[in-house]
Amino acid sequence: MKVRLLIHDLDEKDERQLKYAVPESVILFSAKPRVKPCVGCFGCWIKTPGRCVIKDRCWDSPAMMAAGRELILVSRNVYGGFSPEVKAVLDRSIGYMMPFFRYVGSEMHHTARYDNPLTLTAHFYGEGISEGERGIARRLVKANAVNLGAEGCQVCFHDSLPHLKEALL
């Protein structure tokens, strides 16, 4: 059975509530405390293919993504983008892709390391997310989906954590 990987920036209390409510097929990965940032060494492509050379709790994130059928990102909205914590996990997952290139339309993107096309769902939460921020977030998630070779993507917005939790459960 393919799992769903949910990367989030929720605090411990909210994560506990989520943990007991989601099915076992959902793997929760907390982006808090923030993982070490990607150093751009490309070791995940050359030295340890598919795995980050930084040995912390995020070193195996590309393999976690490869084991899943869906990548779910839960992030507070930061000017239409991901929180720094979620962004750091995504940056550290570059080993999910290969250092080789392919064309998608007229754009060049990395090729997939794994024969496992994901679907990507992003949930942004926060009060007063403007239409401009929503547009930026939609474009960002669509670009991430193309970069990851995802089969599809969806973006959802939530005004509060209770609304987010309700949508996830």
C-alpha atoms as a PDB file:
ATOM      1  CA  MET A   1       0.000   0.000   0.000  1.00  0.00           C
ATOM      2  CA  LYS A   2       1.364   3.395  -1.001  1.00  0.00           C
ATOM      3  CA  VAL A   3       1.464   5.908   1.803  1.00  0.00           C
ATOM      4  CA  ARG A   4       0.784   9.605   1.864  1.00  0.00           C
ATOM      5  CA  LEU A   5       3.528  11.860   3.231  1.00  0.00           C
ATOM      6  CA  LEU A   6       2.311  14.944   5.090  1.00  0.00           C
ATOM      7  CA  ILE A   7       4.987  17.563   5.786  1.00  0.00           C
ATOM      8  CA  HIS A   8       3.776  20.263   8.160  1.00  0.00           C
ATOM      9  CA  ASP A   9       4.814  23.181  10.334  1.00  0.00           C
ATOM     10  CA  LEU A  10       2.204  22.701  13.068  1.00  0.00           C
ATOM     11  CA  ASP A  11       3.110  22.955  16.734  1.00  0.00           C
ATOM     12  CA  GLU A  12       3.272  19.801  18.894  1.00  0.00           C
ATOM     13  CA  LYS A  13      -0.285  20.104  20.240  1.00  0.00           C
ATOM     14  CA  ASP A  14      -1.814  20.438  16.770  1.00  0.00           C
ATOM     15  CA  GLU A  15       0.390  17.640  15.444  1.00  0.00           C
ATOM     16  CA  ARG A  16      -0.788  15.308  18.248  1.00  0.00           C
ATOM     17  CA  GLN A  17      -4.421  16.000  17.371  1.00  0.00           C
ATOM     18  CA  LEU A  18      -3.689  15.334  13.717  1.00  0.00           C
ATOM     19  CA  LYS A  19      -1.709  12.178  14.462  1.00  0.00           C
ATOM     20  CA  TYR A  20      -4.624  10.480  16.165  1.00  0.00           C
ATOM     21  CA  ALA A  21      -7.105  11.496  13.486  1.00  0.00           C
ATOM     22  CA  VAL A  22      -5.343  10.583  10.225  1.00  0.00           C
ATOM     23  CA  PRO A  23      -5.216   7.013   8.886  1.00  0.00           C
ATOM     24  CA  GLU A  24      -2.100   4.894   9.362  1.00  0.00           C
ATOM     25  CA  SER A  25      -1.339   5.292   5.665  1.00  0.00           C
ATOM     26  CA  VAL A  26      -0.402   8.947   6.336  1.00  0.00           C
ATOM     27  CA  ILE A  27       3.163   9.566   7.501  1.00  0.00           C
ATOM     28  CA  LEU A  28       3.513  12.825   9.416  1.00  0.00           C
ATOM     29  CA  PHE A  29       6.804  14.701   9.139  1.00  0.00           C
ATOM     30  CA  SER A  30       7.155  17.806  11.256  1.00  0.00           C
ATOM     31  CA  ALA A  31       9.247  20.597   9.782  1.00  0.00           C
ATOM     32  CA  LYS A  32       9.667  21.935  13.337  1.00  0.00           C
ATOM     33  CA  PRO A  33      12.165  22.439  14.704  1.00  0.00           C
ATOM     34  CA  ARG A  34      13.580  23.669  11.416  1.00  0.00           C
ATOM     35  CA  VAL A  35      15.943  21.210   9.751  1.00  0.00           C
ATOM     36  CA  LYS A  36      19.390  22.286   8.655  1.00  0.00           C
ATOM     37  CA  PRO A  37      19.248  24.129   5.340  1.00  0.00           C
ATOM     38  CA  CYS A  38      20.436  22.586   2.087  1.00  0.00           C
ATOM     39  CA  VAL A  39      24.054  23.583   1.512  1.00  0.00           C
ATOM     40  CA  GLY A  40      23.913  23.055  -2.255  1.00  0.00           C
ATOM     41  CA  CYS A  41      26.676  20.437  -2.258  1.00  0.00           C
ATOM     42  CA  PHE A  42      24.745  18.091  -4.618  1.00  0.00           C
ATOM     43  CA  GLY A  43      25.928  15.148  -2.518  1.00  0.00           C
ATOM     44  CA  CYS A  44      22.387  13.751  -2.744  1.00  0.00           C
ATOM     45  CA  TRP A  45      23.014  13.372  -6.468  1.00  0.00           C
ATOM     46  CA  ILE A  46      26.644  12.239  -6.439  1.00  0.00           C
ATOM     47  CA  LYS A  47      27.904  10.912  -3.082  1.00  0.00           C
ATOM     48  CA  THR A  48      24.748   9.379  -1.623  1.00  0.00           C
ATOM     49  CA  PRO A  49      22.214   9.226  -4.476  1.00  0.00           C
ATOM     50  CA  GLY A  50      18.709   9.916  -3.256  1.00  0.00           C
ATOM     51  CA  ARG A  51      19.790  10.720   0.296  1.00  0.00           C
ATOM     52  CA  CYS A  52      21.028  13.959   1.797  1.00  0.00           C
ATOM     53  CA  VAL A  53      24.599  13.946   3.116  1.00  0.00           C
ATOM     54  CA  ILE A  54      23.526  15.971   6.161  1.00  0.00           C
ATOM     55  CA  LYS A  55      22.761  13.367   8.809  1.00  0.00           C
ATOM     56  CA  ASP A  56      19.702  14.634  10.613  1.00  0.00           C
ATOM     57  CA  ARG A  57      16.030  13.675  10.621  1.00  0.00           C
ATOM     58  CA  CYS A  58      15.614  14.980   7.067  1.00  0.00           C
ATOM     59  CA  TRP A  59      18.409  12.974   5.418  1.00  0.00           C
ATOM     60  CA  ASP A  60      15.980  10.384   4.013  1.00  0.00           C
ATOM     61  CA  SER A  61      13.223  12.740   2.833  1.00  0.00           C
ATOM     62  CA  PRO A  62      13.665  11.868  -0.885  1.00  0.00           C
ATOM     63  CA  ALA A  63      13.101   8.172  -0.111  1.00  0.00           C
ATOM     64  CA  MET A  64      10.097   9.048   2.061  1.00  0.00           C
ATOM     65  CA  MET A  65       8.629  10.936  -0.885  1.00  0.00           C
ATOM     66  CA  ALA A  66       9.356   8.025  -3.205  1.00  0.00           C
ATOM     67  CA  ALA A  67       7.465   5.630  -0.928  1.00  0.00           C
ATOM     68  CA  GLY A  68       4.318   7.683  -1.214  1.00  0.00           C
ATOM     69  CA  ARG A  69       1.570   8.263  -3.696  1.00  0.00           C
ATOM     70  CA  GLU A  70       0.782  11.749  -2.431  1.00  0.00           C
ATOM     71  CA  LEU A  71       2.834  14.558  -0.969  1.00  0.00           C
ATOM     72  CA  ILE A  72       0.760  16.820   1.272  1.00  0.00           C
ATOM     73  CA  LEU A  73       2.271  20.106   2.391  1.00  0.00           C
ATOM     74  CA  VAL A  74       0.727  21.994   5.297  1.00  0.00           C
ATOM     75  CA  SER A  75       2.204  25.436   5.820  1.00  0.00           C
ATOM     76  CA  ARG A  76       1.307  28.775   7.196  1.00  0.00           C
ATOM     77  CA  ASN A  77       1.111  31.295   4.411  1.00  0.00           C
ATOM     78  CA  VAL A  78       4.189  33.523   4.189  1.00  0.00           C
ATOM     79  CA  TYR A  79       3.596  36.143   1.482  1.00  0.00           C
ATOM     80  CA  GLY A  80       2.120  33.479  -0.806  1.00  0.00           C
ATOM     81  CA  GLY A  81       4.852  30.945  -0.093  1.00  0.00           C
ATOM     82  CA  PHE A  82       5.736  28.198   2.336  1.00  0.00           C
ATOM     83  CA  SER A  83       6.930  28.812   5.865  1.00  0.00           C
ATOM     84  CA  PRO A  84      10.734  28.700   6.273  1.00  0.00           C
ATOM     85  CA  GLU A  85      10.399  25.339   8.045  1.00  0.00           C
ATOM     86  CA  VAL A  86       8.469  23.643   5.222  1.00  0.00           C
ATOM     87  CA  LYS A  87      10.682  25.301   2.595  1.00  0.00           C
ATOM     88  CA  ALA A  88      13.800  23.881   4.285  1.00  0.00           C
ATOM     89  CA  VAL A  89      12.381  20.336   4.099  1.00  0.00           C
ATOM     90  CA  LEU A  90      11.496  20.794   0.423  1.00  0.00           C
ATOM     91  CA  ASP A  91      14.985  22.118  -0.328  1.00  0.00           C
ATOM     92  CA  ARG A  92      16.529  19.093   1.373  1.00  0.00           C
ATOM     93  CA  SER A  93      14.420  16.786  -0.823  1.00  0.00           C
ATOM     94  CA  ILE A  94      16.212  17.683  -4.065  1.00  0.00           C
ATOM     95  CA  GLY A  95      17.648  14.146  -4.145  1.00  0.00           C
ATOM     96  CA  TYR A  96      14.161  12.981  -5.154  1.00  0.00           C
ATOM     97  CA  MET A  97      15.185  14.112  -8.629  1.00  0.00           C
ATOM     98  CA  MET A  98      18.212  13.199 -10.766  1.00  0.00           C
ATOM     99  CA  PRO A  99      20.885  15.655 -11.949  1.00  0.00           C
ATOM    100  CA  PHE A 100      19.811  15.051 -15.552  1.00  0.00           C
ATOM    101  CA  PHE A 101      17.362  17.159 -17.512  1.00  0.00           C
ATOM    102  CA  ARG A 102      14.135  16.826 -19.484  1.00  0.00           C
ATOM    103  CA  TYR A 103      11.920  19.297 -21.259  1.00  0.00           C
ATOM    104  CA  VAL A 104       8.432  20.036 -19.991  1.00  0.00           C
ATOM    105  CA  GLY A 105       6.937  22.220 -22.688  1.00  0.00           C
ATOM    106  CA  SER A 106       9.663  24.757 -23.359  1.00  0.00           C
ATOM    107  CA  GLU A 107      11.131  24.533 -19.845  1.00  0.00           C
ATOM    108  CA  MET A 108      14.021  22.402 -18.660  1.00  0.00           C
ATOM    109  CA  HIS A 109      13.496  20.357 -15.482  1.00  0.00           C
ATOM    110  CA  HIS A 110      15.291  17.540 -13.680  1.00  0.00           C
ATOM    111  CA  THR A 111      14.369  13.936 -14.449  1.00  0.00           C
ATOM    112  CA  ALA A 112      12.726  11.696 -11.880  1.00  0.00           C
ATOM    113  CA  ARG A 113      14.900   9.369  -9.814  1.00  0.00           C
ATOM    114  CA  TYR A 114      11.981   7.150  -8.902  1.00  0.00           C
ATOM    115  CA  ASP A 115       9.250   5.628 -11.041  1.00  0.00           C
ATOM    116  CA  ASN A 116       6.614   6.925  -8.678  1.00  0.00           C
ATOM    117  CA  PRO A 117       4.672   9.940  -9.885  1.00  0.00           C
ATOM    118  CA  LEU A 118       3.164  11.729  -6.907  1.00  0.00           C
ATOM    119  CA  THR A 119       0.230  13.999  -6.591  1.00  0.00           C
ATOM    120  CA  LEU A 120       0.937  17.203  -4.698  1.00  0.00           C
ATOM    121  CA  THR A 121      -1.529  18.897  -2.379  1.00  0.00           C
ATOM    122  CA  ALA A 122      -0.679  22.094  -0.517  1.00  0.00           C
ATOM    123  CA  HIS A 123      -2.694  23.527   2.350  1.00  0.00           C
ATOM    124  CA  PHE A 124      -1.906  27.113   3.315  1.00  0.00           C
ATOM    125  CA  TYR A 125      -3.341  28.503   6.525  1.00  0.00           C
ATOM    126  CA  GLY A 126      -3.488  31.958   8.059  1.00  0.00           C
ATOM    127  CA  GLU A 127      -5.829  34.871   8.530  1.00  0.00           C
ATOM    128  CA  GLY A 128      -6.379  37.309   5.715  1.00  0.00           C
ATOM    129  CA  ILE A 129      -4.585  35.546   2.869  1.00  0.00           C
ATOM    130  CA  SER A 130      -4.952  38.062   0.041  1.00  0.00           C
ATOM    131  CA  GLU A 131      -5.912  37.232  -3.548  1.00  0.00           C
ATOM    132  CA  GLY A 132      -2.381  38.207  -4.581  1.00  0.00           C
ATOM    133  CA  GLU A 133      -0.880  35.753  -2.098  1.00  0.00           C
ATOM    134  CA  ARG A 134      -3.285  33.045  -3.264  1.00  0.00           C
ATOM    135  CA  GLY A 135      -2.200  33.577  -6.859  1.00  0.00           C
ATOM    136  CA  ILE A 136       1.475  33.387  -5.899  1.00  0.00           C
ATOM    137  CA  ALA A 137       0.841  30.207  -3.894  1.00  0.00           C
ATOM    138  CA  ARG A 138      -1.022  28.558  -6.784  1.00  0.00           C
ATOM    139  CA  ARG A 139       1.824  29.336  -9.205  1.00  0.00           C
ATOM    140  CA  LEU A 140       4.423  28.143  -6.689  1.00  0.00           C
ATOM    141  CA  VAL A 141       2.708  24.812  -6.054  1.00  0.00           C
ATOM    142  CA  LYS A 142       2.134  24.262  -9.776  1.00  0.00           C
ATOM    143  CA  ALA A 143       5.845  24.918 -10.425  1.00  0.00           C
ATOM    144  CA  ASN A 144       6.789  22.536  -7.585  1.00  0.00           C
ATOM    145  CA  ALA A 145       4.508  19.880  -9.091  1.00  0.00           C
ATOM    146  CA  VAL A 146       6.186  20.243 -12.496  1.00  0.00           C
ATOM    147  CA  ASN A 147       9.640  20.100 -10.888  1.00  0.00           C
ATOM    148  CA  LEU A 148       8.719  16.934  -8.990  1.00  0.00           C
ATOM    149  CA  GLY A 149       7.124  15.294 -12.021  1.00  0.00           C
ATOM    150  CA  ALA A 150       3.820  15.135 -10.133  1.00  0.00           C
ATOM    151  CA  GLU A 151       0.738  13.845 -11.877  1.00  0.00           C
ATOM    152  CA  GLY A 152      -1.341  16.677 -10.502  1.00  0.00           C
ATOM    153  CA  CYS A 153      -1.581  19.327  -7.846  1.00  0.00           C
ATOM    154  CA  GLN A 154      -4.149  21.019  -5.688  1.00  0.00           C
ATOM    155  CA  VAL A 155      -3.928  24.141  -3.516  1.00  0.00           C
ATOM    156  CA  CYS A 156      -6.235  24.832  -0.578  1.00  0.00           C
ATOM    157  CA  PHE A 157      -6.479  27.879   1.682  1.00  0.00           C
ATOM    158  CA  HIS A 158      -7.702  27.941   5.273  1.00  0.00           C
ATOM    159  CA  ASP A 159      -8.393  30.994   7.424  1.00  0.00           C
ATOM    160  CA  SER A 160      -7.561  29.203  10.652  1.00  0.00           C
ATOM    161  CA  LEU A 161      -6.030  26.036  12.075  1.00  0.00           C
ATOM    162  CA  PRO A 162      -9.429  24.598  13.043  1.00  0.00           C
ATOM    163  CA  HIS A 163     -10.577  24.963   9.414  1.00  0.00           C
ATOM    164  CA  LEU A 164      -7.343  23.345   8.223  1.00  0.00           C
ATOM    165  CA  LYS A 165      -7.700  20.401  10.611  1.00  0.00           C
ATOM    166  CA  GLU A 166     -11.317  19.948   9.574  1.00  0.00           C
ATOM    167  CA  ALA A 167     -10.260  19.762   5.918  1.00  0.00           C
ATOM    168  CA  LEU A 168      -7.456  17.285   6.617  1.00  0.00           C
ATOM    169  CA  LEU A 169      -9.574  14.935   8.693  1.00  0.00           C
END
